[in-house]
Amino acid sequence: MKYLIAGLGNIGQEYANTRHNIGFIVADALALDDKTTFSTYRYADISKLKYKARTLVVIKPSTFMNLSGKAIKYWMDKEKIPLENLLVVTDDIALPTGTLRLRTKGGDGGHNGLIHIIETLNTSNFARLRIGIGDDFAKGYQVDYVLGKWSKKEEEVMIPKIKTATEIIKSFTTIGLARTMNLYNKRNE
């Protein structure tokens, strides 16, 4: 069985370790767990790893956040991965910092990456792991906040959550979406 794990973020050093790049950070942690690295291919940096007889195609789209759907659609088609085996890992300002929430489907919540994925796939029925980054910004400063670096206090909260996020991804690929939601959603709020 093959799965596409898409960690959302923006390419470039200026975006490294920013709140909006938590999807990239989790993708990196997943590859590091397996001692694999990323290579650059069309529309994404890719790492392929094996976990309990499953192949995980982990991508970090190089299309920038607002065109994430292009990379996801391309790699789903190229690797012949069905929609039910797609998991998008993304930041969410509507959740408190460090909250992890796995969902079977949902709206875009104003997130430009999710908007483009939904438009490109023509459905919002795909699994997503939403990672709370909080909403501690003044009105009109959302972009500055999401593209800002983590504070020390936020890092202390987030570092153990990154490990939990990789466990959720692995669980999704082995015991399925519903059981993984039951197992992790309540304890990670």
Protein backbone atom coordinates (compact mmCIF):
# COMPACT_ATOMS: atom_id res chain seq x y z
CA MET A 1 0.00 0.00 0.00
CA LYS A 2 1.16 3.50 -0.88
CA TYR A 3 0.40 6.77 0.91
CA LEU A 4 1.07 10.38 0.02
CA ILE A 5 1.99 12.50 3.02
CA ALA A 6 2.05 16.17 2.02
CA GLY A 7 3.63 18.56 4.51
CA LEU A 8 2.67 22.11 3.58
CA GLY A 9 5.06 25.03 3.74
CA ASN A 10 7.06 27.49 1.69
CA ILE A 11 10.48 26.81 0.19
CA GLY A 12 13.46 29.02 0.95
CA GLN A 13 15.62 29.83 3.96
CA GLU A 14 13.55 32.91 4.83
CA TYR A 15 10.59 30.60 5.60
CA ALA A 16 12.53 27.92 7.49
CA ASN A 17 11.30 27.35 11.04
CA THR A 18 8.25 29.61 10.66
CA ARG A 19 4.78 28.79 11.96
CA HIS A 20 3.40 28.40 8.42
CA ASN A 21 6.04 25.74 7.68
CA ILE A 22 5.03 23.27 10.37
CA GLY A 23 4.04 20.82 7.63
CA PHE A 24 7.61 20.87 6.30
CA ILE A 25 8.97 20.48 9.83
CA VAL A 26 6.83 17.38 10.44
CA ALA A 27 7.78 15.94 7.02
CA ASP A 28 11.46 16.42 7.89
CA ALA A 29 10.96 14.70 11.26
CA LEU A 30 9.21 11.76 9.57
CA ALA A 31 12.11 11.32 7.12
CA LEU A 32 14.64 11.70 9.92
CA ASP A 33 12.90 8.93 11.91
CA ASP A 34 13.48 6.63 8.94
CA LYS A 35 16.99 7.97 8.28
CA THR A 36 15.95 9.01 4.76
CA THR A 37 16.58 12.30 3.01
CA PHE A 38 14.70 14.46 0.54
CA SER A 39 15.56 14.81 -3.12
CA THR A 40 14.25 17.51 -5.42
CA TYR A 41 11.90 16.41 -8.19
CA ARG A 42 9.08 18.02 -10.14
CA TYR A 43 6.96 20.29 -7.92
CA ALA A 44 8.32 18.91 -4.63
CA ASP A 45 11.13 17.61 -2.49
CA ILE A 46 10.43 13.89 -2.01
CA SER A 47 11.40 11.26 0.53
CA LYS A 48 10.18 7.68 0.19
CA LEU A 49 10.17 5.49 3.24
CA LYS A 50 8.88 2.11 4.28
CA TYR A 51 6.80 1.57 7.39
CA LYS A 52 5.23 -1.80 8.23
CA ALA A 53 5.02 -2.94 4.59
CA ARG A 54 3.66 0.43 3.47
CA THR A 55 5.36 2.95 1.24
CA LEU A 56 5.09 6.55 2.37
CA VAL A 57 5.77 9.12 -0.32
CA VAL A 58 6.48 12.22 1.75
CA ILE A 59 6.44 15.51 -0.15
CA LYS A 60 7.27 19.10 0.62
CA PRO A 61 5.75 21.05 -2.31
CA SER A 62 8.13 23.47 -4.01
CA THR A 63 5.19 25.34 -5.54
CA PHE A 64 4.86 27.61 -2.49
CA MET A 65 1.90 27.32 -0.16
CA ASN A 66 -0.70 28.96 -2.41
CA LEU A 67 -0.17 26.39 -5.20
CA SER A 68 0.17 23.26 -3.04
CA GLY A 69 -2.59 21.46 -4.94
CA LYS A 70 -0.46 21.34 -8.09
CA ALA A 71 2.25 19.27 -6.37
CA ILE A 72 -0.21 17.03 -4.55
CA LYS A 73 -2.22 16.23 -7.69
CA TYR A 74 0.93 15.58 -9.70
CA TRP A 75 2.38 13.14 -7.14
CA MET A 76 -0.94 11.40 -6.50
CA ASP A 77 -1.21 10.72 -10.22
CA LYS A 78 2.45 9.81 -10.73
CA GLU A 79 2.54 7.39 -7.78
CA LYS A 80 -1.04 6.14 -8.39
CA ILE A 81 -2.12 6.98 -4.84
CA PRO A 82 -5.87 7.08 -4.21
CA LEU A 83 -7.49 10.05 -2.48
CA GLU A 84 -8.20 8.01 0.67
CA ASN A 85 -4.42 7.48 1.07
CA LEU A 86 -3.62 11.21 1.03
CA LEU A 87 -2.79 13.01 4.28
CA VAL A 88 -2.12 16.76 4.25
CA VAL A 89 -0.18 18.17 7.22
CA THR A 90 -0.87 21.86 7.75
CA ASP A 91 -0.81 24.74 10.20
CA ASP A 92 -4.06 26.08 11.66
CA ILE A 93 -4.51 29.43 13.40
CA ALA A 94 -7.96 28.39 14.66
CA LEU A 95 -6.36 25.84 17.02
CA PRO A 96 -4.32 26.68 20.12
CA THR A 97 -0.55 26.26 19.73
CA GLY A 98 0.38 22.59 19.85
CA THR A 99 -3.12 21.18 19.36
CA LEU A 100 -3.14 18.27 16.90
CA ARG A 101 -6.37 17.41 15.15
CA LEU A 102 -6.85 14.73 12.51
CA ARG A 103 -9.88 15.16 10.23
CA THR A 104 -11.44 13.13 7.41
CA LYS A 105 -12.48 16.23 5.47
CA GLY A 106 -13.36 19.86 5.98
CA GLY A 107 -13.30 23.35 4.66
CA ASP A 108 -10.29 25.49 3.94
CA GLY A 109 -10.57 27.73 7.03
CA GLY A 110 -9.16 30.57 4.94
CA HIS A 111 -5.87 28.68 4.49
CA ASN A 112 -4.55 29.40 0.98
CA GLY A 113 -2.79 26.05 0.68
CA LEU A 114 -5.98 24.15 1.51
CA ILE A 115 -8.01 26.40 -0.80
CA HIS A 116 -5.76 25.45 -3.72
CA ILE A 117 -5.74 21.74 -2.85
CA ILE A 118 -9.56 21.66 -2.65
CA GLU A 119 -9.86 23.52 -5.97
CA THR A 120 -7.27 21.30 -7.69
CA LEU A 121 -8.64 17.97 -6.41
CA ASN A 122 -12.24 19.23 -6.77
CA THR A 123 -13.08 17.86 -3.32
CA SER A 124 -12.57 18.64 0.34
CA ASN A 125 -12.86 14.94 1.23
CA PHE A 126 -9.24 14.21 2.08
CA ALA A 127 -7.55 13.59 5.40
CA ARG A 128 -5.66 16.41 7.02
CA LEU A 129 -3.61 16.71 10.16
CA ARG A 130 -4.17 20.23 11.43
CA ILE A 131 -1.49 21.56 13.77
CA GLY A 132 -2.44 24.52 15.93
CA ILE A 133 -0.19 27.55 15.76
CA GLY A 134 -2.50 29.83 17.74
CA ASP A 135 -3.79 33.26 16.83
CA ASP A 136 -1.73 35.60 18.97
CA PHE A 137 -1.65 38.50 16.51
CA ALA A 138 -3.30 41.89 16.20
CA LYS A 139 -5.95 42.45 13.55
CA GLY A 140 -4.31 42.89 10.16
CA TYR A 141 -1.10 41.08 11.14
CA GLN A 142 -2.01 37.47 10.31
CA VAL A 143 0.53 37.18 7.48
CA ASP A 144 3.34 38.51 9.67
CA TYR A 145 2.33 36.07 12.41
CA VAL A 146 2.13 32.89 10.31
CA LEU A 147 5.38 33.75 8.50
CA GLY A 148 7.04 34.61 11.82
CA LYS A 149 9.54 32.45 13.70
CA TRP A 150 8.57 30.41 16.74
CA SER A 151 9.14 32.00 20.14
CA LYS A 152 11.10 29.99 22.74
CA LYS A 153 7.87 29.33 24.62
CA GLU A 154 6.16 28.05 21.45
CA GLU A 155 9.15 25.83 20.64
CA GLU A 156 8.88 24.20 24.08
CA VAL A 157 5.25 23.35 23.32
CA MET A 158 5.80 22.31 19.70
CA ILE A 159 8.90 20.10 19.86
CA PRO A 160 7.16 17.13 21.54
CA LYS A 161 4.09 17.67 19.32
CA ILE A 162 6.20 17.16 16.20
CA LYS A 163 7.07 13.65 17.41
CA THR A 164 3.40 12.98 18.14
CA ALA A 165 2.49 14.20 14.65
CA THR A 166 4.83 11.61 13.12
CA GLU A 167 3.19 8.92 15.27
CA ILE A 168 -0.24 10.03 14.00
CA ILE A 169 0.95 9.79 10.39
CA LYS A 170 2.30 6.28 10.92
CA SER A 171 -0.91 5.26 12.67
CA PHE A 172 -3.00 6.65 9.79
CA THR A 173 -1.11 4.38 7.39
CA THR A 174 -1.51 1.25 9.51
CA ILE A 175 -4.75 1.29 11.51
CA GLY A 176 -6.64 3.79 9.36
CA LEU A 177 -8.12 7.23 9.70
CA ALA A 178 -11.09 6.55 12.00
CA ARG A 179 -9.14 4.53 14.57
CA THR A 180 -6.27 7.01 14.53
CA MET A 181 -8.70 9.89 15.12
CA ASN A 182 -10.18 8.03 18.09
CA LEU A 183 -6.75 7.27 19.46
CA TYR A 184 -5.16 10.72 19.15
CA ASN A 185 -7.67 13.57 18.79
CA LYS A 186 -8.89 13.75 22.38
CA ARG A 187 -5.51 13.39 24.03
CA ASN A 188 -3.88 16.06 21.85
CA GLU A 189 -6.19 18.96 22.57
